Amino acid sequence: MSHKRHQIGIFLLRLFLGFTVFIHGLTKFKIGMGNTSIALESITIPMSLLYSIGIIEVIGGLFLMIGFKVQITSSIIAVVMLLSITQLKLPIGFLGTNLRAGFELDLALLSIAGFLALDGKTPFAIENITFQSDECYKCPEV
């Protein structure tokens, strides 16, 4: 695979993860945290933790979409997805039930976040413009 296609693939993964996480966080605030906690009736999550997760998702999603602190943000998102899987959705199963989604999307988002956290270099990111360092994503000379 050419290097340029590889860069575009990483960029698309970052955008997908950022947009998906952002929308999920925004939805938590739009429908209200009380309704979100009702949807999670099988467990008891403190309301402060729900707000924290919502804020992490909204801000983290924005950071990922613009490409700011991608490695740190992806690591935090990976932890949130891991908690979602283990604390909420594992008992429901991979595909879930007629009433509740399983952990298939969370696992996909965890995989993308893990890749971005480990890779650390992402193309078309604002951090490559504003913070010139050795970690900036550069095309190798061919």
C-alpha atoms as a PDB file:
ATOM      1  CA  MET A   1       0.000   0.000   0.000  1.00  0.00           C
ATOM      2  CA  SER A   2       1.299   3.447  -0.818  1.00  0.00           C
ATOM      3  CA  HIS A   3       2.231   5.756   2.009  1.00  0.00           C
ATOM      4  CA  LYS A   4      -0.320   8.373   0.926  1.00  0.00           C
ATOM      5  CA  ARG A   5      -3.193   5.841   1.081  1.00  0.00           C
ATOM      6  CA  HIS A   6      -1.954   4.754   4.510  1.00  0.00           C
ATOM      7  CA  GLN A   7      -2.066   8.385   5.688  1.00  0.00           C
ATOM      8  CA  ILE A   8      -5.593   8.851   4.339  1.00  0.00           C
ATOM      9  CA  GLY A   9      -6.706   5.653   6.094  1.00  0.00           C
ATOM     10  CA  ILE A  10      -5.357   6.853   9.448  1.00  0.00           C
ATOM     11  CA  PHE A  11      -6.979  10.246   8.893  1.00  0.00           C
ATOM     12  CA  LEU A  12     -10.355   8.620   8.148  1.00  0.00           C
ATOM     13  CA  LEU A  13     -10.097   6.423  11.262  1.00  0.00           C
ATOM     14  CA  ARG A  14      -9.353   9.491  13.382  1.00  0.00           C
ATOM     15  CA  LEU A  15     -12.304  11.387  11.902  1.00  0.00           C
ATOM     16  CA  PHE A  16     -14.669   8.440  12.354  1.00  0.00           C
ATOM     17  CA  LEU A  17     -13.645   7.896  15.974  1.00  0.00           C
ATOM     18  CA  GLY A  18     -13.795  11.605  16.777  1.00  0.00           C
ATOM     19  CA  PHE A  19     -17.195  12.148  15.157  1.00  0.00           C
ATOM     20  CA  THR A  20     -18.748   9.026  16.679  1.00  0.00           C
ATOM     21  CA  VAL A  21     -17.501   9.772  20.188  1.00  0.00           C
ATOM     22  CA  PHE A  22     -18.502  13.447  19.860  1.00  0.00           C
ATOM     23  CA  ILE A  23     -22.068  12.568  18.795  1.00  0.00           C
ATOM     24  CA  HIS A  24     -22.431  10.031  21.616  1.00  0.00           C
ATOM     25  CA  GLY A  25     -21.272  12.629  24.159  1.00  0.00           C
ATOM     26  CA  LEU A  26     -23.524  15.323  22.726  1.00  0.00           C
ATOM     27  CA  THR A  27     -26.496  12.952  22.867  1.00  0.00           C
ATOM     28  CA  LYS A  28     -25.915  12.402  26.574  1.00  0.00           C
ATOM     29  CA  PHE A  29     -26.376  16.130  27.162  1.00  0.00           C
ATOM     30  CA  LYS A  30     -29.194  16.535  24.641  1.00  0.00           C
ATOM     31  CA  ILE A  31     -31.449  13.838  26.091  1.00  0.00           C
ATOM     32  CA  GLY A  32     -30.364  14.718  29.611  1.00  0.00           C
ATOM     33  CA  MET A  33     -28.212  12.825  32.050  1.00  0.00           C
ATOM     34  CA  GLY A  34     -31.303  11.679  33.941  1.00  0.00           C
ATOM     35  CA  ASN A  35     -32.584   9.904  30.840  1.00  0.00           C
ATOM     36  CA  THR A  36     -29.125   8.500  30.190  1.00  0.00           C
ATOM     37  CA  SER A  37     -29.008   7.049  33.692  1.00  0.00           C
ATOM     38  CA  ILE A  38     -32.486   5.530  33.193  1.00  0.00           C
ATOM     39  CA  ALA A  39     -31.175   3.826  30.042  1.00  0.00           C
ATOM     40  CA  LEU A  40     -28.450   2.309  32.211  1.00  0.00           C
ATOM     41  CA  GLU A  41     -30.857   1.058  34.894  1.00  0.00           C
ATOM     42  CA  SER A  42     -29.036  -2.245  35.362  1.00  0.00           C
ATOM     43  CA  ILE A  43     -26.107  -0.561  37.075  1.00  0.00           C
ATOM     44  CA  THR A  44     -25.628   2.343  39.394  1.00  0.00           C
ATOM     45  CA  ILE A  45     -23.355   4.973  37.948  1.00  0.00           C
ATOM     46  CA  PRO A  46     -22.905   8.213  39.875  1.00  0.00           C
ATOM     47  CA  MET A  47     -24.312  11.199  37.978  1.00  0.00           C
ATOM     48  CA  SER A  48     -20.938  12.969  38.284  1.00  0.00           C
ATOM     49  CA  LEU A  49     -19.298  10.105  36.393  1.00  0.00           C
ATOM     50  CA  LEU A  50     -21.911  10.353  33.631  1.00  0.00           C
ATOM     51  CA  TYR A  51     -21.197  14.078  33.259  1.00  0.00           C
ATOM     52  CA  SER A  52     -17.459  13.387  33.197  1.00  0.00           C
ATOM     53  CA  ILE A  53     -17.859  10.756  30.481  1.00  0.00           C
ATOM     54  CA  GLY A  54     -20.086  13.104  28.475  1.00  0.00           C
ATOM     55  CA  ILE A  55     -17.524  15.905  28.706  1.00  0.00           C
ATOM     56  CA  ILE A  56     -14.682  13.531  27.795  1.00  0.00           C
ATOM     57  CA  GLU A  57     -16.628  12.340  24.751  1.00  0.00           C
ATOM     58  CA  VAL A  58     -17.536  15.834  23.523  1.00  0.00           C
ATOM     59  CA  ILE A  59     -14.111  17.401  24.040  1.00  0.00           C
ATOM     60  CA  GLY A  60     -12.231  14.239  23.071  1.00  0.00           C
ATOM     61  CA  GLY A  61     -14.282  13.911  19.898  1.00  0.00           C
ATOM     62  CA  LEU A  62     -13.511  17.499  18.926  1.00  0.00           C
ATOM     63  CA  PHE A  63      -9.810  17.027  19.692  1.00  0.00           C
ATOM     64  CA  LEU A  64      -9.674  13.914  17.528  1.00  0.00           C
ATOM     65  CA  MET A  65     -11.512  15.521  14.616  1.00  0.00           C
ATOM     66  CA  ILE A  66      -9.101  18.457  14.493  1.00  0.00           C
ATOM     67  CA  GLY A  67      -6.087  16.324  15.332  1.00  0.00           C
ATOM     68  CA  PHE A  68      -5.070  17.834  18.666  1.00  0.00           C
ATOM     69  CA  LYS A  69      -3.243  15.669  21.241  1.00  0.00           C
ATOM     70  CA  VAL A  70      -4.370  12.567  19.373  1.00  0.00           C
ATOM     71  CA  GLN A  71      -2.290  10.054  21.320  1.00  0.00           C
ATOM     72  CA  ILE A  72      -3.440  11.243  24.757  1.00  0.00           C
ATOM     73  CA  THR A  73      -7.057  11.719  23.676  1.00  0.00           C
ATOM     74  CA  SER A  74      -7.194   8.294  22.038  1.00  0.00           C
ATOM     75  CA  SER A  75      -5.815   6.708  25.200  1.00  0.00           C
ATOM     76  CA  ILE A  76      -8.544   8.324  27.293  1.00  0.00           C
ATOM     77  CA  ILE A  77     -11.235   7.292  24.805  1.00  0.00           C
ATOM     78  CA  ALA A  78      -9.850   3.731  24.859  1.00  0.00           C
ATOM     79  CA  VAL A  79     -10.239   3.636  28.656  1.00  0.00           C
ATOM     80  CA  VAL A  80     -13.833   4.930  28.374  1.00  0.00           C
ATOM     81  CA  MET A  81     -14.630   2.255  25.765  1.00  0.00           C
ATOM     82  CA  LEU A  82     -13.018  -0.456  27.891  1.00  0.00           C
ATOM     83  CA  LEU A  83     -15.113   0.637  30.876  1.00  0.00           C
ATOM     84  CA  SER A  84     -18.238   0.707  28.719  1.00  0.00           C
ATOM     85  CA  ILE A  85     -17.615  -2.835  27.546  1.00  0.00           C
ATOM     86  CA  THR A  86     -16.675  -4.333  30.901  1.00  0.00           C
ATOM     87  CA  GLN A  87     -19.098  -2.425  33.128  1.00  0.00           C
ATOM     88  CA  LEU A  88     -22.145  -2.030  30.885  1.00  0.00           C
ATOM     89  CA  LYS A  89     -22.300  -4.235  27.856  1.00  0.00           C
ATOM     90  CA  LEU A  90     -20.389  -7.459  28.483  1.00  0.00           C
ATOM     91  CA  PRO A  91     -23.376  -9.162  30.146  1.00  0.00           C
ATOM     92  CA  ILE A  92     -25.572  -8.221  27.158  1.00  0.00           C
ATOM     93  CA  GLY A  93     -23.220  -9.917  24.706  1.00  0.00           C
ATOM     94  CA  PHE A  94     -21.508  -8.991  21.481  1.00  0.00           C
ATOM     95  CA  LEU A  95     -24.659  -8.343  19.456  1.00  0.00           C
ATOM     96  CA  GLY A  96     -26.940  -7.388  22.332  1.00  0.00           C
ATOM     97  CA  THR A  97     -30.686  -7.928  22.506  1.00  0.00           C
ATOM     98  CA  ASN A  98     -33.734  -6.475  20.799  1.00  0.00           C
ATOM     99  CA  LEU A  99     -33.791  -3.688  23.375  1.00  0.00           C
ATOM    100  CA  ARG A 100     -30.105  -2.954  23.996  1.00  0.00           C
ATOM    101  CA  ALA A 101     -27.037  -2.755  21.834  1.00  0.00           C
ATOM    102  CA  GLY A 102     -24.173  -5.118  22.437  1.00  0.00           C
ATOM    103  CA  PHE A 103     -20.524  -4.196  22.672  1.00  0.00           C
ATOM    104  CA  GLU A 104     -19.628  -4.580  18.971  1.00  0.00           C
ATOM    105  CA  LEU A 105     -19.446  -0.813  18.326  1.00  0.00           C
ATOM    106  CA  ASP A 106     -17.584  -0.179  21.569  1.00  0.00           C
ATOM    107  CA  LEU A 107     -15.057  -2.858  20.641  1.00  0.00           C
ATOM    108  CA  ALA A 108     -14.543  -1.318  17.193  1.00  0.00           C
ATOM    109  CA  LEU A 109     -14.071   2.140  18.745  1.00  0.00           C
ATOM    110  CA  LEU A 110     -11.690   0.670  21.336  1.00  0.00           C
ATOM    111  CA  SER A 111      -9.650  -0.904  18.522  1.00  0.00           C
ATOM    112  CA  ILE A 112      -9.433   2.369  16.592  1.00  0.00           C
ATOM    113  CA  ALA A 113      -8.568   4.340  19.742  1.00  0.00           C
ATOM    114  CA  GLY A 114      -5.903   1.791  20.641  1.00  0.00           C
ATOM    115  CA  PHE A 115      -4.367   2.011  17.184  1.00  0.00           C
ATOM    116  CA  LEU A 116      -4.271   5.825  17.276  1.00  0.00           C
ATOM    117  CA  ALA A 117      -2.894   5.827  20.826  1.00  0.00           C
ATOM    118  CA  LEU A 118      -0.098   3.412  19.937  1.00  0.00           C
ATOM    119  CA  ASP A 119       0.744   4.907  16.553  1.00  0.00           C
ATOM    120  CA  GLY A 120       0.974   8.415  17.937  1.00  0.00           C
ATOM    121  CA  LYS A 121       1.460   9.972  14.534  1.00  0.00           C
ATOM    122  CA  THR A 122      -1.478  11.128  12.528  1.00  0.00           C
ATOM    123  CA  PRO A 123      -1.636  12.992   9.234  1.00  0.00           C
ATOM    124  CA  PHE A 124      -3.627  16.151   8.554  1.00  0.00           C
ATOM    125  CA  ALA A 125      -3.645  17.107  12.237  1.00  0.00           C
ATOM    126  CA  ILE A 126      -3.573  20.577  13.716  1.00  0.00           C
ATOM    127  CA  GLU A 127      -0.852  19.471  16.121  1.00  0.00           C
ATOM    128  CA  ASN A 128       1.436  18.934  13.133  1.00  0.00           C
ATOM    129  CA  ILE A 129       1.035  22.588  12.202  1.00  0.00           C
ATOM    130  CA  THR A 130       1.101  24.190  15.634  1.00  0.00           C
ATOM    131  CA  PHE A 131       3.662  22.018  17.428  1.00  0.00           C
ATOM    132  CA  GLN A 132       6.639  21.226  15.272  1.00  0.00           C
ATOM    133  CA  SER A 133       8.386  18.296  16.880  1.00  0.00           C
ATOM    134  CA  ASP A 134       9.894  14.939  16.054  1.00  0.00           C
ATOM    135  CA  GLU A 135       6.492  13.315  16.562  1.00  0.00           C
ATOM    136  CA  CYS A 136       4.881  15.140  13.648  1.00  0.00           C
ATOM    137  CA  TYR A 137       3.681  12.905  10.885  1.00  0.00           C
ATOM    138  CA  LYS A 138       6.015  13.267   7.914  1.00  0.00           C
ATOM    139  CA  CYS A 139       6.167  11.422   4.650  1.00  0.00           C
ATOM    140  CA  PRO A 140       9.373   9.442   4.269  1.00  0.00           C
ATOM    141  CA  GLU A 141      11.537  10.315   1.336  1.00  0.00           C
ATOM    142  CA  VAL A 142      11.129   7.751  -1.409  1.00  0.00           C
END
